Amino acid sequence: MKTISGKLKLGKAVSAAVMATAFFLSVSIAAPQARAFDDRADCQHAVEKAEGRLDQAVQRKGPDSREANDRRRDLNAEREKCWGKFHQWWNGKDHRWETEHNWDQDHR
């Protein structure tokens, strides 16, 4: 009887080890994906803020003002950061991620 009891204990221990390993693997795989989502959300937020600043500058000083051009440059820099990380950039006007490096074109 000792051998059957020993085999049961060994089987339970192996089963527990396999389940623990599977759990830790799933957590370690999901964590970077969750962080990537957070990074994309941070990128989206930064682009939206830059778009808002550009809109304010255009309203206050006009579309061809130095302030508007500075804000346009800031917006393009934020888009470039997104592109560098994700090969996508957030289009706040259309509320979508763009997959072409074409933010200098008119997106209306």
C-alpha atoms as a PDB file:
ATOM      1  CA  MET A   1       0.000   0.000   0.000  1.00  0.00           C
ATOM      2  CA  LYS A   2       2.893   2.345   0.556  1.00  0.00           C
ATOM      3  CA  THR A   3       3.734   2.328  -3.145  1.00  0.00           C
ATOM      4  CA  ILE A   4       0.204   3.335  -4.215  1.00  0.00           C
ATOM      5  CA  SER A   5       0.108   6.114  -1.607  1.00  0.00           C
ATOM      6  CA  GLY A   6       3.560   7.280  -2.666  1.00  0.00           C
ATOM      7  CA  LYS A   7       2.517   7.280  -6.335  1.00  0.00           C
ATOM      8  CA  LEU A   8      -0.609   9.310  -5.493  1.00  0.00           C
ATOM      9  CA  LYS A   9       1.444  11.856  -3.587  1.00  0.00           C
ATOM     10  CA  LEU A  10       3.964  12.054  -6.413  1.00  0.00           C
ATOM     11  CA  GLY A  11       1.152  12.440  -8.962  1.00  0.00           C
ATOM     12  CA  LYS A  12      -0.441  15.247  -6.944  1.00  0.00           C
ATOM     13  CA  ALA A  13       2.905  16.990  -6.552  1.00  0.00           C
ATOM     14  CA  VAL A  14       3.633  16.757 -10.285  1.00  0.00           C
ATOM     15  CA  SER A  15       0.118  17.960 -11.098  1.00  0.00           C
ATOM     16  CA  ALA A  16       0.491  20.915  -8.735  1.00  0.00           C
ATOM     17  CA  ALA A  17       3.882  21.773 -10.222  1.00  0.00           C
ATOM     18  CA  VAL A  18       2.492  21.670 -13.770  1.00  0.00           C
ATOM     19  CA  MET A  19      -0.454  23.869 -12.806  1.00  0.00           C
ATOM     20  CA  ALA A  20       1.801  26.362 -11.001  1.00  0.00           C
ATOM     21  CA  THR A  21       4.127  26.505 -13.997  1.00  0.00           C
ATOM     22  CA  ALA A  22       1.213  27.054 -16.364  1.00  0.00           C
ATOM     23  CA  PHE A  23      -0.116  29.831 -14.144  1.00  0.00           C
ATOM     24  CA  PHE A  24       3.216  31.651 -13.936  1.00  0.00           C
ATOM     25  CA  LEU A  25       3.767  31.305 -17.675  1.00  0.00           C
ATOM     26  CA  SER A  26       0.352  32.782 -18.424  1.00  0.00           C
ATOM     27  CA  VAL A  27       1.004  35.679 -16.051  1.00  0.00           C
ATOM     28  CA  SER A  28       4.442  36.360 -17.523  1.00  0.00           C
ATOM     29  CA  ILE A  29       2.998  36.343 -21.049  1.00  0.00           C
ATOM     30  CA  ALA A  30       0.007  38.532 -20.167  1.00  0.00           C
ATOM     31  CA  ALA A  31       1.999  41.170 -18.269  1.00  0.00           C
ATOM     32  CA  PRO A  32       3.939  42.520 -21.274  1.00  0.00           C
ATOM     33  CA  GLN A  33       0.754  42.543 -23.338  1.00  0.00           C
ATOM     34  CA  ALA A  34      -1.019  44.568 -20.659  1.00  0.00           C
ATOM     35  CA  ARG A  35       1.928  46.973 -20.511  1.00  0.00           C
ATOM     36  CA  ALA A  36       1.877  47.321 -24.309  1.00  0.00           C
ATOM     37  CA  PHE A  37      -1.794  48.269 -24.076  1.00  0.00           C
ATOM     38  CA  ASP A  38      -0.938  50.871 -21.427  1.00  0.00           C
ATOM     39  CA  ASP A  39       1.842  52.235 -23.652  1.00  0.00           C
ATOM     40  CA  ARG A  40      -0.564  52.582 -26.574  1.00  0.00           C
ATOM     41  CA  ALA A  41      -3.091  54.324 -24.344  1.00  0.00           C
ATOM     42  CA  ASP A  42      -0.363  56.687 -23.103  1.00  0.00           C
ATOM     43  CA  CYS A  43       0.668  57.373 -26.685  1.00  0.00           C
ATOM     44  CA  GLN A  44      -2.932  58.009 -27.739  1.00  0.00           C
ATOM     45  CA  HIS A  45      -3.417  60.395 -24.824  1.00  0.00           C
ATOM     46  CA  ALA A  46      -0.227  62.333 -25.638  1.00  0.00           C
ATOM     47  CA  VAL A  47      -1.288  62.743 -29.274  1.00  0.00           C
ATOM     48  CA  GLU A  48      -4.771  63.896 -28.262  1.00  0.00           C
ATOM     49  CA  LYS A  49      -3.285  66.496 -25.908  1.00  0.00           C
ATOM     50  CA  ALA A  50      -0.969  67.740 -28.646  1.00  0.00           C
ATOM     51  CA  GLU A  51      -3.899  67.919 -31.081  1.00  0.00           C
ATOM     52  CA  GLY A  52      -5.852  69.954 -28.528  1.00  0.00           C
ATOM     53  CA  ARG A  53      -2.958  72.364 -28.069  1.00  0.00           C
ATOM     54  CA  LEU A  54      -2.700  72.774 -31.841  1.00  0.00           C
ATOM     55  CA  ASP A  55      -6.431  73.463 -32.131  1.00  0.00           C
ATOM     56  CA  GLN A  56      -6.180  76.112 -29.385  1.00  0.00           C
ATOM     57  CA  ALA A  57      -3.193  77.767 -31.062  1.00  0.00           C
ATOM     58  CA  VAL A  58      -5.017  77.867 -34.404  1.00  0.00           C
ATOM     59  CA  GLN A  59      -8.085  79.426 -32.765  1.00  0.00           C
ATOM     60  CA  ARG A  60      -6.059  82.016 -30.846  1.00  0.00           C
ATOM     61  CA  LYS A  61      -3.363  82.956 -33.348  1.00  0.00           C
ATOM     62  CA  GLY A  62      -4.422  81.529 -36.714  1.00  0.00           C
ATOM     63  CA  PRO A  63      -3.395  78.462 -38.734  1.00  0.00           C
ATOM     64  CA  ASP A  64      -0.186  80.017 -40.080  1.00  0.00           C
ATOM     65  CA  SER A  65       1.027  81.551 -36.818  1.00  0.00           C
ATOM     66  CA  ARG A  66       4.352  80.711 -35.241  1.00  0.00           C
ATOM     67  CA  GLU A  67       2.530  79.252 -32.230  1.00  0.00           C
ATOM     68  CA  ALA A  68       0.416  76.973 -34.456  1.00  0.00           C
ATOM     69  CA  ASN A  69       3.519  75.836 -36.331  1.00  0.00           C
ATOM     70  CA  ASP A  70       5.264  75.080 -33.024  1.00  0.00           C
ATOM     71  CA  ARG A  71       2.265  73.045 -31.822  1.00  0.00           C
ATOM     72  CA  ARG A  72       2.131  71.259 -35.195  1.00  0.00           C
ATOM     73  CA  ARG A  73       5.784  70.307 -34.755  1.00  0.00           C
ATOM     74  CA  ASP A  74       5.015  69.048 -31.210  1.00  0.00           C
ATOM     75  CA  LEU A  75       2.107  66.986 -32.542  1.00  0.00           C
ATOM     76  CA  ASN A  76       4.287  65.450 -35.240  1.00  0.00           C
ATOM     77  CA  ALA A  77       6.910  64.606 -32.609  1.00  0.00           C
ATOM     78  CA  GLU A  78       4.280  62.753 -30.527  1.00  0.00           C
ATOM     79  CA  ARG A  79       3.099  60.885 -33.598  1.00  0.00           C
ATOM     80  CA  GLU A  80       6.703  59.989 -34.417  1.00  0.00           C
ATOM     81  CA  LYS A  81       7.135  58.541 -30.907  1.00  0.00           C
ATOM     82  CA  CYS A  82       4.055  56.357 -31.426  1.00  0.00           C
ATOM     83  CA  TRP A  83       5.320  55.295 -34.815  1.00  0.00           C
ATOM     84  CA  GLY A  84       8.697  54.379 -33.359  1.00  0.00           C
ATOM     85  CA  LYS A  85       7.112  52.134 -30.722  1.00  0.00           C
ATOM     86  CA  PHE A  86       4.136  50.623 -32.533  1.00  0.00           C
ATOM     87  CA  HIS A  87       4.512  51.398 -36.261  1.00  0.00           C
ATOM     88  CA  GLN A  88       1.142  53.102 -35.888  1.00  0.00           C
ATOM     89  CA  TRP A  89       0.026  56.593 -34.945  1.00  0.00           C
ATOM     90  CA  TRP A  90      -3.190  57.845 -33.384  1.00  0.00           C
ATOM     91  CA  ASN A  91      -5.470  59.922 -35.602  1.00  0.00           C
ATOM     92  CA  GLY A  92      -7.550  61.874 -33.110  1.00  0.00           C
ATOM     93  CA  LYS A  93      -9.748  63.445 -35.781  1.00  0.00           C
ATOM     94  CA  ASP A  94     -10.916  60.044 -37.067  1.00  0.00           C
ATOM     95  CA  HIS A  95     -10.472  58.276 -33.687  1.00  0.00           C
ATOM     96  CA  ARG A  96      -8.404  55.401 -35.030  1.00  0.00           C
ATOM     97  CA  TRP A  97      -4.885  54.053 -35.262  1.00  0.00           C
ATOM     98  CA  GLU A  98      -3.280  54.661 -38.656  1.00  0.00           C
ATOM     99  CA  THR A  99      -0.854  52.123 -40.081  1.00  0.00           C
ATOM    100  CA  GLU A 100       0.746  54.344 -42.717  1.00  0.00           C
ATOM    101  CA  HIS A 101       3.446  56.927 -41.959  1.00  0.00           C
ATOM    102  CA  ASN A 102       1.308  59.666 -43.537  1.00  0.00           C
ATOM    103  CA  TRP A 103       0.359  62.165 -40.855  1.00  0.00           C
ATOM    104  CA  ASP A 104       1.612  65.043 -42.972  1.00  0.00           C
ATOM    105  CA  GLN A 105      -1.294  64.449 -45.338  1.00  0.00           C
ATOM    106  CA  ASP A 106      -4.753  65.904 -44.804  1.00  0.00           C
ATOM    107  CA  HIS A 107      -6.966  63.422 -42.895  1.00  0.00           C
ATOM    108  CA  ARG A 108     -10.479  64.791 -43.228  1.00  0.00           C
END
